[in-house]
Amino acid sequence: MIINGNDMDFKEGITIEELLNNLKINKDKVVVEVDLNIIDKDEYNSFKLSTDSKVEIIRFVGGG
């Protein structure tokens, strides 16, 4: 699985929510794209990733 351009090992069928928990990322502060498709936050606990998924995790950064 490729996450933000890095090859990482996670089990087949892991959900986006499980992935974010493993990476200690707050799901409320990111947008997740899988294979060029933005995934709705309501699907994070049911959307299963495959070992060949390409995942981009985009974090919101405050500023001003």
PDB file of N, CA and C in Angstrom:
ATOM      1  N   MET A   1       0.852  -1.168   0.000  1.00  0.00           N
ATOM      2  CA  MET A   1       0.000   0.000   0.000  1.00  0.00           C
ATOM      3  C   MET A   1       0.901   1.236   0.000  1.00  0.00           C
ATOM      4  N   ILE A   2       0.552   2.190  -0.806  1.00  0.00           N
ATOM      5  CA  ILE A   2       1.334   3.422  -0.856  1.00  0.00           C
ATOM      6  C   ILE A   2       0.536   4.517  -0.157  1.00  0.00           C
ATOM      7  N   ILE A   3       1.160   5.114   0.858  1.00  0.00           N
ATOM      8  CA  ILE A   3       0.511   6.158   1.642  1.00  0.00           C
ATOM      9  C   ILE A   3       1.367   7.412   1.543  1.00  0.00           C
ATOM     10  N   ASN A   4       0.789   8.462   0.979  1.00  0.00           N
ATOM     11  CA  ASN A   4       1.499   9.727   0.766  1.00  0.00           C
ATOM     12  C   ASN A   4       2.860   9.502   0.112  1.00  0.00           C
ATOM     13  N   GLY A   5       2.885   8.618  -0.878  1.00  0.00           N
ATOM     14  CA  GLY A   5       4.095   8.363  -1.633  1.00  0.00           C
ATOM     15  C   GLY A   5       5.064   7.376  -1.015  1.00  0.00           C
ATOM     16  N   ASN A   6       4.753   6.850   0.177  1.00  0.00           N
ATOM     17  CA  ASN A   6       5.626   5.896   0.861  1.00  0.00           C
ATOM     18  C   ASN A   6       5.008   4.509   0.855  1.00  0.00           C
ATOM     19  N   ASP A   7       5.809   3.502   0.527  1.00  0.00           N
ATOM     20  CA  ASP A   7       5.349   2.117   0.536  1.00  0.00           C
ATOM     21  C   ASP A   7       5.269   1.641   1.985  1.00  0.00           C
ATOM     22  N   MET A   8       4.072   1.256   2.435  1.00  0.00           N
ATOM     23  CA  MET A   8       3.869   0.815   3.815  1.00  0.00           C
ATOM     24  C   MET A   8       3.128  -0.513   3.816  1.00  0.00           C
ATOM     25  N   ASP A   9       3.391  -1.319   4.834  1.00  0.00           N
ATOM     26  CA  ASP A   9       2.743  -2.626   4.954  1.00  0.00           C
ATOM     27  C   ASP A   9       1.588  -2.567   5.944  1.00  0.00           C
ATOM     28  N   PHE A  10       0.393  -2.835   5.451  1.00  0.00           N
ATOM     29  CA  PHE A  10      -0.797  -2.982   6.282  1.00  0.00           C
ATOM     30  C   PHE A  10      -1.566  -4.169   5.743  1.00  0.00           C
ATOM     31  N   LYS A  11      -2.368  -4.798   6.599  1.00  0.00           N
ATOM     32  CA  LYS A  11      -3.099  -5.998   6.179  1.00  0.00           C
ATOM     33  C   LYS A  11      -4.156  -5.667   5.127  1.00  0.00           C
ATOM     34  N   GLU A  12      -4.385  -6.614   4.259  1.00  0.00           N
ATOM     35  CA  GLU A  12      -5.440  -6.511   3.244  1.00  0.00           C
ATOM     36  C   GLU A  12      -6.779  -6.332   3.947  1.00  0.00           C
ATOM     37  N   GLY A  13      -7.600  -5.392   3.479  1.00  0.00           N
ATOM     38  CA  GLY A  13      -8.930  -5.207   4.030  1.00  0.00           C
ATOM     39  C   GLY A  13      -9.018  -4.251   5.207  1.00  0.00           C
ATOM     40  N   ILE A  14      -7.890  -3.613   5.574  1.00  0.00           N
ATOM     41  CA  ILE A  14      -7.931  -2.629   6.653  1.00  0.00           C
ATOM     42  C   ILE A  14      -8.830  -1.471   6.204  1.00  0.00           C
ATOM     43  N   THR A  15      -9.609  -0.920   7.139  1.00  0.00           N
ATOM     44  CA  THR A  15     -10.460   0.217   6.786  1.00  0.00           C
ATOM     45  C   THR A  15      -9.653   1.510   6.902  1.00  0.00           C
ATOM     46  N   ILE A  16     -10.174   2.559   6.309  1.00  0.00           N
ATOM     47  CA  ILE A  16      -9.514   3.861   6.412  1.00  0.00           C
ATOM     48  C   ILE A  16      -9.437   4.278   7.876  1.00  0.00           C
ATOM     49  N   GLU A  17     -10.500   4.050   8.632  1.00  0.00           N
ATOM     50  CA  GLU A  17     -10.502   4.420  10.048  1.00  0.00           C
ATOM     51  C   GLU A  17      -9.409   3.672  10.815  1.00  0.00           C
ATOM     52  N   GLU A  18      -9.253   2.376  10.554  1.00  0.00           N
ATOM     53  CA  GLU A  18      -8.198   1.594  11.207  1.00  0.00           C
ATOM     54  C   GLU A  18      -6.815   2.110  10.807  1.00  0.00           C
ATOM     55  N   LEU A  19      -6.654   2.446   9.538  1.00  0.00           N
ATOM     56  CA  LEU A  19      -5.383   2.979   9.065  1.00  0.00           C
ATOM     57  C   LEU A  19      -5.042   4.275   9.790  1.00  0.00           C
ATOM     58  N   LEU A  20      -6.002   5.195   9.855  1.00  0.00           N
ATOM     59  CA  LEU A  20      -5.764   6.470  10.529  1.00  0.00           C
ATOM     60  C   LEU A  20      -5.448   6.257  12.005  1.00  0.00           C
ATOM     61  N   ASN A  21      -6.160   5.336  12.658  1.00  0.00           N
ATOM     62  CA  ASN A  21      -5.871   5.032  14.065  1.00  0.00           C
ATOM     63  C   ASN A  21      -4.456   4.497  14.227  1.00  0.00           C
ATOM     64  N   ASN A  22      -4.036   3.583  13.342  1.00  0.00           N
ATOM     65  CA  ASN A  22      -2.675   3.030  13.405  1.00  0.00           C
ATOM     66  C   ASN A  22      -1.619   4.109  13.222  1.00  0.00           C
ATOM     67  N   LEU A  23      -1.923   5.097  12.389  1.00  0.00           N
ATOM     68  CA  LEU A  23      -0.986   6.187  12.127  1.00  0.00           C
ATOM     69  C   LEU A  23      -1.148   7.334  13.123  1.00  0.00           C
ATOM     70  N   LYS A  24      -2.080   7.177  14.068  1.00  0.00           N
ATOM     71  CA  LYS A  24      -2.367   8.194  15.094  1.00  0.00           C
ATOM     72  C   LYS A  24      -2.733   9.547  14.464  1.00  0.00           C
ATOM     73  N   ILE A  25      -3.642   9.464  13.494  1.00  0.00           N
ATOM     74  CA  ILE A  25      -4.122  10.653  12.793  1.00  0.00           C
ATOM     75  C   ILE A  25      -5.598  10.843  13.111  1.00  0.00           C
ATOM     76  N   ASN A  26      -5.962  12.051  13.520  1.00  0.00           N
ATOM     77  CA  ASN A  26      -7.347  12.394  13.832  1.00  0.00           C
ATOM     78  C   ASN A  26      -8.145  12.484  12.531  1.00  0.00           C
ATOM     79  N   LYS A  27      -9.151  11.622  12.391  1.00  0.00           N
ATOM     80  CA  LYS A  27      -9.924  11.573  11.141  1.00  0.00           C
ATOM     81  C   LYS A  27     -10.699  12.852  10.871  1.00  0.00           C
ATOM     82  N   ASP A  28     -10.934  13.659  11.900  1.00  0.00           N
ATOM     83  CA  ASP A  28     -11.688  14.891  11.718  1.00  0.00           C
ATOM     84  C   ASP A  28     -10.843  16.014  11.125  1.00  0.00           C
ATOM     85  N   LYS A  29      -9.520  15.808  11.043  1.00  0.00           N
ATOM     86  CA  LYS A  29      -8.636  16.867  10.559  1.00  0.00           C
ATOM     87  C   LYS A  29      -7.946  16.518   9.248  1.00  0.00           C
ATOM     88  N   VAL A  30      -8.502  15.521   8.539  1.00  0.00           N
ATOM     89  CA  VAL A  30      -7.897  15.112   7.270  1.00  0.00           C
ATOM     90  C   VAL A  30      -8.967  14.816   6.221  1.00  0.00           C
ATOM     91  N   VAL A  31      -8.519  14.784   4.986  1.00  0.00           N
ATOM     92  CA  VAL A  31      -9.301  14.268   3.866  1.00  0.00           C
ATOM     93  C   VAL A  31      -8.491  13.104   3.319  1.00  0.00           C
ATOM     94  N   VAL A  32      -9.165  12.012   2.979  1.00  0.00           N
ATOM     95  CA  VAL A  32      -8.466  10.834   2.466  1.00  0.00           C
ATOM     96  C   VAL A  32      -8.894  10.579   1.023  1.00  0.00           C
ATOM     97  N   GLU A  33      -7.880  10.394   0.184  1.00  0.00           N
ATOM     98  CA  GLU A  33      -8.087  10.076  -1.222  1.00  0.00           C
ATOM     99  C   GLU A  33      -7.524   8.676  -1.459  1.00  0.00           C
ATOM    100  N   VAL A  34      -8.306   7.823  -2.098  1.00  0.00           N
ATOM    101  CA  VAL A  34      -7.860   6.465  -2.422  1.00  0.00           C
ATOM    102  C   VAL A  34      -7.979   6.282  -3.930  1.00  0.00           C
ATOM    103  N   ASP A  35      -6.867   5.969  -4.554  1.00  0.00           N
ATOM    104  CA  ASP A  35      -6.840   5.750  -6.009  1.00  0.00           C
ATOM    105  C   ASP A  35      -7.515   6.897  -6.762  1.00  0.00           C
ATOM    106  N   LEU A  36      -7.156   8.122  -6.366  1.00  0.00           N
ATOM    107  CA  LEU A  36      -7.615   9.372  -6.987  1.00  0.00           C
ATOM    108  C   LEU A  36      -9.076   9.715  -6.712  1.00  0.00           C
ATOM    109  N   ASN A  37      -9.719   9.039  -5.755  1.00  0.00           N
ATOM    110  CA  ASN A  37     -11.102   9.337  -5.378  1.00  0.00           C
ATOM    111  C   ASN A  37     -11.152   9.780  -3.925  1.00  0.00           C
ATOM    112  N   ILE A  38     -11.767  10.935  -3.671  1.00  0.00           N
ATOM    113  CA  ILE A  38     -11.928  11.403  -2.295  1.00  0.00           C
ATOM    114  C   ILE A  38     -13.026  10.574  -1.644  1.00  0.00           C
ATOM    115  N   ILE A  39     -12.724  10.055  -0.451  1.00  0.00           N
ATOM    116  CA  ILE A  39     -13.658   9.191   0.266  1.00  0.00           C
ATOM    117  C   ILE A  39     -14.393  10.013   1.319  1.00  0.00           C
ATOM    118  N   ASP A  40     -15.713   9.878   1.358  1.00  0.00           N
ATOM    119  CA  ASP A  40     -16.541  10.578   2.338  1.00  0.00           C
ATOM    120  C   ASP A  40     -16.221  10.066   3.740  1.00  0.00           C
ATOM    121  N   LYS A  41     -16.145  10.974   4.707  1.00  0.00           N
ATOM    122  CA  LYS A  41     -15.831  10.594   6.095  1.00  0.00           C
ATOM    123  C   LYS A  41     -16.786   9.534   6.638  1.00  0.00           C
ATOM    124  N   ASP A  42     -18.029   9.533   6.182  1.00  0.00           N
ATOM    125  CA  ASP A  42     -19.003   8.533   6.636  1.00  0.00           C
ATOM    126  C   ASP A  42     -18.612   7.116   6.214  1.00  0.00           C
ATOM    127  N   GLU A  43     -17.723   6.995   5.246  1.00  0.00           N
ATOM    128  CA  GLU A  43     -17.304   5.684   4.747  1.00  0.00           C
ATOM    129  C   GLU A  43     -15.989   5.197   5.356  1.00  0.00           C
ATOM    130  N   TYR A  44     -15.342   6.012   6.183  1.00  0.00           N
ATOM    131  CA  TYR A  44     -14.029   5.643   6.729  1.00  0.00           C
ATOM    132  C   TYR A  44     -14.058   4.324   7.503  1.00  0.00           C
ATOM    133  N   ASN A  45     -15.161   4.040   8.201  1.00  0.00           N
ATOM    134  CA  ASN A  45     -15.212   2.805   9.004  1.00  0.00           C
ATOM    135  C   ASN A  45     -15.634   1.586   8.184  1.00  0.00           C
ATOM    136  N   SER A  46     -16.025   1.779   6.925  1.00  0.00           N
ATOM    137  CA  SER A  46     -16.447   0.634   6.113  1.00  0.00           C
ATOM    138  C   SER A  46     -15.640   0.471   4.819  1.00  0.00           C
ATOM    139  N   PHE A  47     -14.963   1.513   4.381  1.00  0.00           N
ATOM    140  CA  PHE A  47     -14.196   1.451   3.129  1.00  0.00           C
ATOM    141  C   PHE A  47     -12.923   0.651   3.360  1.00  0.00           C
ATOM    142  N   LYS A  48     -12.804  -0.486   2.676  1.00  0.00           N
ATOM    143  CA  LYS A  48     -11.647  -1.375   2.868  1.00  0.00           C
ATOM    144  C   LYS A  48     -10.580  -1.111   1.813  1.00  0.00           C
ATOM    145  N   LEU A  49      -9.347  -1.089   2.274  1.00  0.00           N
ATOM    146  CA  LEU A  49      -8.206  -0.847   1.403  1.00  0.00           C
ATOM    147  C   LEU A  49      -7.573  -2.163   0.977  1.00  0.00           C
ATOM    148  N   SER A  50      -6.985  -2.175  -0.197  1.00  0.00           N
ATOM    149  CA  SER A  50      -6.251  -3.358  -0.655  1.00  0.00           C
ATOM    150  C   SER A  50      -4.753  -3.064  -0.568  1.00  0.00           C
ATOM    151  N   THR A  51      -3.952  -4.100  -0.702  1.00  0.00           N
ATOM    152  CA  THR A  51      -2.507  -3.916  -0.591  1.00  0.00           C
ATOM    153  C   THR A  51      -1.937  -3.078  -1.732  1.00  0.00           C
ATOM    154  N   ASP A  52      -2.697  -2.927  -2.821  1.00  0.00           N
ATOM    155  CA  ASP A  52      -2.208  -2.094  -3.925  1.00  0.00           C
ATOM    156  C   ASP A  52      -2.891  -0.725  -3.985  1.00  0.00           C
ATOM    157  N   SER A  53      -3.601  -0.346  -2.913  1.00  0.00           N
ATOM    158  CA  SER A  53      -4.241   0.971  -2.859  1.00  0.00           C
ATOM    159  C   SER A  53      -3.189   2.076  -2.796  1.00  0.00           C
ATOM    160  N   LYS A  54      -3.517   3.193  -3.434  1.00  0.00           N
ATOM    161  CA  LYS A  54      -2.688   4.392  -3.336  1.00  0.00           C
ATOM    162  C   LYS A  54      -3.495   5.408  -2.534  1.00  0.00           C
ATOM    163  N   VAL A  55      -3.005   5.709  -1.339  1.00  0.00           N
ATOM    164  CA  VAL A  55      -3.734   6.543  -0.390  1.00  0.00           C
ATOM    165  C   VAL A  55      -2.999   7.867  -0.201  1.00  0.00           C
ATOM    166  N   GLU A  56      -3.743   8.952  -0.262  1.00  0.00           N
ATOM    167  CA  GLU A  56      -3.209  10.270   0.071  1.00  0.00           C
ATOM    168  C   GLU A  56      -4.006  10.785   1.260  1.00  0.00           C
ATOM    169  N   ILE A  57      -3.303  11.162   2.311  1.00  0.00           N
ATOM    170  CA  ILE A  57      -3.930  11.730   3.500  1.00  0.00           C
ATOM    171  C   ILE A  57      -3.545  13.200   3.526  1.00  0.00           C
ATOM    172  N   ILE A  58      -4.547  14.054   3.391  1.00  0.00           N
ATOM    173  CA  ILE A  58      -4.315  15.489   3.322  1.00  0.00           C
ATOM    174  C   ILE A  58      -4.775  16.106   4.629  1.00  0.00           C
ATOM    175  N   ARG A  59      -3.839  16.749   5.326  1.00  0.00           N
ATOM    176  CA  ARG A  59      -4.139  17.344   6.634  1.00  0.00           C
ATOM    177  C   ARG A  59      -4.532  18.807   6.464  1.00  0.00           C
ATOM    178  N   PHE A  60      -5.484  19.224   7.301  1.00  0.00           N
ATOM    179  CA  PHE A  60      -5.861  20.630   7.351  1.00  0.00           C
ATOM    180  C   PHE A  60      -4.880  21.350   8.266  1.00  0.00           C
ATOM    181  N   VAL A  61      -4.400  22.494   7.820  1.00  0.00           N
ATOM    182  CA  VAL A  61      -3.463  23.280   8.611  1.00  0.00           C
ATOM    183  C   VAL A  61      -4.039  24.677   8.745  1.00  0.00           C
ATOM    184  N   GLY A  62      -4.183  25.118   9.999  1.00  0.00           N
ATOM    185  CA  GLY A  62      -4.693  26.455  10.240  1.00  0.00           C
ATOM    186  C   GLY A  62      -3.588  27.487  10.079  1.00  0.00           C
ATOM    187  N   GLY A  63      -3.970  28.674   9.821  1.00  0.00           N
ATOM    188  CA  GLY A  63      -2.979  29.735   9.668  1.00  0.00           C
ATOM    189  C   GLY A  63      -3.676  31.051   9.408  1.00  0.00           C
ATOM    190  N   GLY A  64      -2.878  32.042   9.260  1.00  0.00           N
ATOM    191  CA  GLY A  64      -3.520  33.304   8.987  1.00  0.00           C
ATOM    192  C   GLY A  64      -2.560  34.409   8.744  1.00  0.00           C
TER     193      GLY A  64
END
